[in-house]
Amino acid sequence: MILINLLPHREEKRRRRKQAFFVALGVSAGVGALVVAGWYAVLQQMIANQQERNAFLTAEIRKLDEQIKDIATLRAEIEALKARQRAVEDLQTDRNMPVHLLNELAKQTPEGVYLREIKQTGQTVVVSGVAQTNERVSELLRNTAYHSPWLERPELVEIRATTPKPGDRNPQRLFEFSMRVSLKRPQDNQPQEGAAKPAAAAARKQS
């Protein structure tokens, strides 16, 4: 028996092709959705990991800020302690300075010069007195400038001649003067003393 297909086979093929196309389209859409969903999940995981890292870094930065504040406080305390130590050392160093000052003034003051007042303010000393001549005052300035290991930078503030009063036993004309001089600290003399010792040793060897 011979079977004859009387149905429109062309329309049937079109329908099958269209159905296969839509199936493939749906499968592609599903695969694409799965890929997008997977990539979105990966991105979310990466964002979460980065947020955890940011939170960790923020916490560490806060810890470092606290440590920096502690270090700054420690440095301030150290500087304060150093300042106190320097103040104590300065006091210990300067306790013998009046002795050196009086000794040097007595040594460097030439004959014919009489000191009346000595006033020290810090490292500056103001000396006032009377002299027989201007040359005596100049000699005092030279001595304190070039021949004293404890005095330096002398400066004449004022000098004026006095008029003898009637009835004075000694009607000689005198000169009242006032000078300013700087007082060297003991540590300023240490390099000079250290340099003088090798020179003295060398002189002894040569002799």
Protein backbone atom coordinates (compact mmCIF):
# COMPACT_ATOMS: atom_id res chain seq x y z
CA MET A 1 0.00 0.00 0.00
CA ILE A 2 1.46 3.38 -0.97
CA LEU A 3 1.08 6.32 1.47
CA ILE A 4 0.96 9.79 0.04
CA ASN A 5 1.51 12.80 2.28
CA LEU A 6 -0.94 15.41 1.24
CA LEU A 7 -0.02 17.91 3.98
CA PRO A 8 1.89 21.10 3.01
CA HIS A 9 5.45 20.00 3.87
CA ARG A 10 6.94 23.44 3.22
CA GLU A 11 4.80 25.08 5.87
CA GLU A 12 5.70 22.26 8.26
CA LYS A 13 9.45 22.85 7.71
CA ARG A 14 9.01 26.56 8.29
CA ARG A 15 7.15 25.91 11.49
CA ARG A 16 9.87 23.52 12.71
CA ARG A 17 12.62 25.98 11.82
CA LYS A 18 10.82 28.78 13.60
CA GLN A 19 10.29 26.59 16.61
CA ALA A 20 13.97 25.59 16.64
CA PHE A 21 14.97 29.25 16.32
CA PHE A 22 12.87 30.27 19.29
CA VAL A 23 14.18 27.35 21.30
CA ALA A 24 17.77 28.34 20.48
CA LEU A 25 16.92 31.96 21.28
CA GLY A 26 15.50 30.96 24.63
CA VAL A 27 18.49 28.79 25.39
CA SER A 28 20.82 31.65 24.45
CA ALA A 29 18.85 34.07 26.60
CA GLY A 30 19.00 31.65 29.51
CA VAL A 31 22.73 31.11 29.08
CA GLY A 32 23.26 34.87 28.83
CA ALA A 33 21.20 35.44 31.97
CA LEU A 34 23.23 32.80 33.79
CA VAL A 35 26.48 34.41 32.64
CA VAL A 36 25.28 37.87 33.69
CA ALA A 37 24.08 36.54 37.04
CA GLY A 38 27.41 34.77 37.60
CA TRP A 39 29.42 37.87 36.68
CA TYR A 40 27.20 40.00 38.92
CA ALA A 41 27.80 37.59 41.79
CA VAL A 42 31.54 37.72 41.16
CA LEU A 43 31.47 41.52 41.12
CA GLN A 44 29.47 41.60 44.33
CA GLN A 45 31.98 39.28 45.95
CA MET A 46 34.87 41.46 44.75
CA ILE A 47 33.10 44.57 46.08
CA ALA A 48 32.50 42.88 49.42
CA ASN A 49 36.17 41.84 49.63
CA GLN A 50 37.29 45.35 48.76
CA GLN A 51 34.97 46.82 51.37
CA GLU A 52 36.45 44.46 53.97
CA ARG A 53 39.95 45.58 52.94
CA ASN A 54 38.89 49.23 53.15
CA ALA A 55 37.44 48.67 56.60
CA PHE A 56 40.64 46.93 57.70
CA LEU A 57 42.79 49.74 56.29
CA THR A 58 40.58 52.36 57.97
CA ALA A 59 40.95 50.61 61.31
CA GLU A 60 44.73 50.35 60.87
CA ILE A 61 44.93 54.02 59.88
CA ARG A 62 43.07 54.92 63.06
CA LYS A 63 45.51 52.86 65.08
CA LEU A 64 48.43 54.59 63.34
CA ASP A 65 46.89 57.99 64.05
CA GLU A 66 46.66 57.11 67.73
CA GLN A 67 50.27 55.91 67.70
CA ILE A 68 51.35 59.12 65.94
CA LYS A 69 49.59 61.16 68.61
CA ASP A 70 51.36 59.13 71.30
CA ILE A 71 54.71 59.65 69.54
CA ALA A 72 54.07 63.41 69.30
CA THR A 73 53.23 63.49 72.99
CA LEU A 74 56.39 61.54 73.81
CA ARG A 75 58.48 63.89 71.69
CA ALA A 76 57.01 66.90 73.47
CA GLU A 77 57.77 65.29 76.82
CA ILE A 78 61.32 64.47 75.69
CA GLU A 79 61.87 68.06 74.53
CA ALA A 80 60.54 69.36 77.85
CA LEU A 81 62.89 67.04 79.73
CA LYS A 82 65.80 68.16 77.55
CA ALA A 83 64.94 71.80 78.23
CA ARG A 84 64.90 71.11 81.96
CA GLN A 85 68.19 69.27 81.70
CA ARG A 86 69.75 72.20 79.80
CA ALA A 87 68.41 74.61 82.41
CA VAL A 88 69.96 72.56 85.21
CA GLU A 89 73.24 72.27 83.31
CA ASP A 90 73.25 76.03 82.69
CA LEU A 91 72.68 76.68 86.38
CA GLN A 92 75.51 74.35 87.30
CA THR A 93 77.74 75.91 84.66
CA ASP A 94 76.93 79.52 85.59
CA ARG A 95 77.32 79.20 89.35
CA ASN A 96 81.03 80.09 89.15
CA MET A 97 80.61 82.87 86.60
CA PRO A 98 80.49 85.75 89.18
CA VAL A 99 83.84 84.58 90.52
CA HIS A 100 85.37 84.59 87.03
CA LEU A 101 83.78 87.98 86.32
CA LEU A 102 85.22 89.68 89.40
CA ASN A 103 88.58 88.01 88.90
CA GLU A 104 88.80 89.15 85.28
CA LEU A 105 87.70 92.71 86.04
CA ALA A 106 90.31 92.96 88.77
CA LYS A 107 92.95 91.53 86.45
CA GLN A 108 92.12 93.59 83.33
CA THR A 109 91.41 96.93 85.03
CA PRO A 110 94.48 99.17 84.59
CA GLU A 111 95.83 101.61 87.13
CA GLY A 112 94.00 104.87 87.29
CA VAL A 113 90.58 103.22 86.75
CA TYR A 114 88.18 102.71 89.66
CA LEU A 115 85.04 100.66 89.29
CA ARG A 116 81.94 101.82 91.13
CA GLU A 117 79.16 99.51 89.97
CA ILE A 118 78.90 96.12 88.27
CA LYS A 119 75.51 94.90 87.04
CA GLN A 120 74.99 91.57 85.30
CA THR A 121 71.91 90.71 83.24
CA GLY A 122 72.22 87.27 81.72
CA GLN A 123 75.49 87.20 79.82
CA THR A 124 75.74 91.00 79.60
CA VAL A 125 77.62 92.99 82.23
CA VAL A 126 77.41 96.76 82.63
CA VAL A 127 80.39 98.31 84.39
CA SER A 128 80.56 101.93 85.53
CA GLY A 129 83.37 103.80 87.21
CA VAL A 130 85.80 106.68 86.98
CA ALA A 131 89.16 107.00 85.27
CA GLN A 132 91.94 109.51 85.40
CA THR A 133 92.18 109.80 81.60
CA ASN A 134 90.44 108.67 78.44
CA GLU A 135 93.45 106.50 77.65
CA ARG A 136 92.84 104.47 80.80
CA VAL A 137 89.31 103.69 79.63
CA SER A 138 90.60 102.73 76.20
CA GLU A 139 93.13 100.41 77.81
CA LEU A 140 90.37 98.75 79.82
CA LEU A 141 88.39 98.19 76.63
CA ARG A 142 91.42 96.69 74.87
CA ASN A 143 92.22 94.40 77.79
CA THR A 144 88.70 93.00 77.97
CA ALA A 145 88.59 92.58 74.19
CA TYR A 146 91.94 90.88 73.57
CA HIS A 147 93.42 89.63 76.82
CA SER A 148 90.53 88.10 78.75
CA PRO A 149 89.36 84.47 78.30
CA TRP A 150 86.06 85.26 80.05
CA LEU A 151 85.11 88.68 78.67
CA GLU A 152 84.37 89.69 75.08
CA ARG A 153 82.81 92.37 72.87
CA PRO A 154 83.35 95.41 75.14
CA GLU A 155 81.35 98.47 74.19
CA LEU A 156 81.69 101.96 75.59
CA VAL A 157 78.24 103.25 76.53
CA GLU A 158 79.10 106.70 77.92
CA ILE A 159 82.07 108.76 79.04
CA ARG A 160 82.02 112.30 80.36
CA ALA A 161 84.43 114.57 82.16
CA THR A 162 83.64 115.69 85.69
CA THR A 163 84.23 119.21 86.98
CA PRO A 164 86.12 119.40 90.29
CA LYS A 165 84.06 120.90 93.06
CA PRO A 166 85.38 123.82 95.12
CA GLY A 167 87.08 122.59 98.27
CA ASP A 168 87.99 119.13 96.92
CA ARG A 169 91.28 117.85 98.27
CA ASN A 170 92.14 116.50 94.83
CA PRO A 171 90.84 118.92 92.21
CA GLN A 172 92.01 116.63 89.39
CA ARG A 173 89.65 116.26 86.49
CA LEU A 174 88.20 112.73 86.22
CA PHE A 175 86.19 110.88 83.61
CA GLU A 176 83.07 108.96 84.51
CA PHE A 177 82.38 106.09 82.13
CA SER A 178 79.97 103.25 81.56
CA MET A 179 80.76 100.21 79.43
CA ARG A 180 79.00 97.04 78.39
CA VAL A 181 80.80 93.71 78.04
CA SER A 182 79.66 90.15 77.30
CA LEU A 183 80.53 87.27 79.57
CA LYS A 184 81.72 84.05 77.97
CA ARG A 185 80.31 80.77 79.18
CA PRO A 186 82.74 78.09 80.37
CA GLN A 187 81.92 75.82 77.42
CA ASP A 188 83.04 78.59 75.06
CA ASN A 189 86.51 78.35 76.56
CA GLN A 190 86.78 74.56 76.31
CA PRO A 191 87.90 74.46 72.64
CA GLN A 192 90.60 77.03 73.39
CA GLU A 193 91.80 75.05 76.39
CA GLY A 194 91.70 71.84 74.36
CA ALA A 195 93.76 73.46 71.62
CA ALA A 196 96.23 74.87 74.15
CA LYS A 197 96.99 71.46 75.68
CA PRO A 198 98.39 69.87 72.48
CA ALA A 199 100.42 73.02 71.82
CA ALA A 200 101.91 72.87 75.31
CA ALA A 201 102.66 69.16 74.91
CA ALA A 202 104.37 69.82 71.59
CA ALA A 203 106.44 72.60 73.16
CA ARG A 204 107.55 70.25 75.95
CA LYS A 205 108.59 67.60 73.41
CA GLN A 206 110.62 70.10 71.43
CA SER A 207 112.37 71.30 74.56
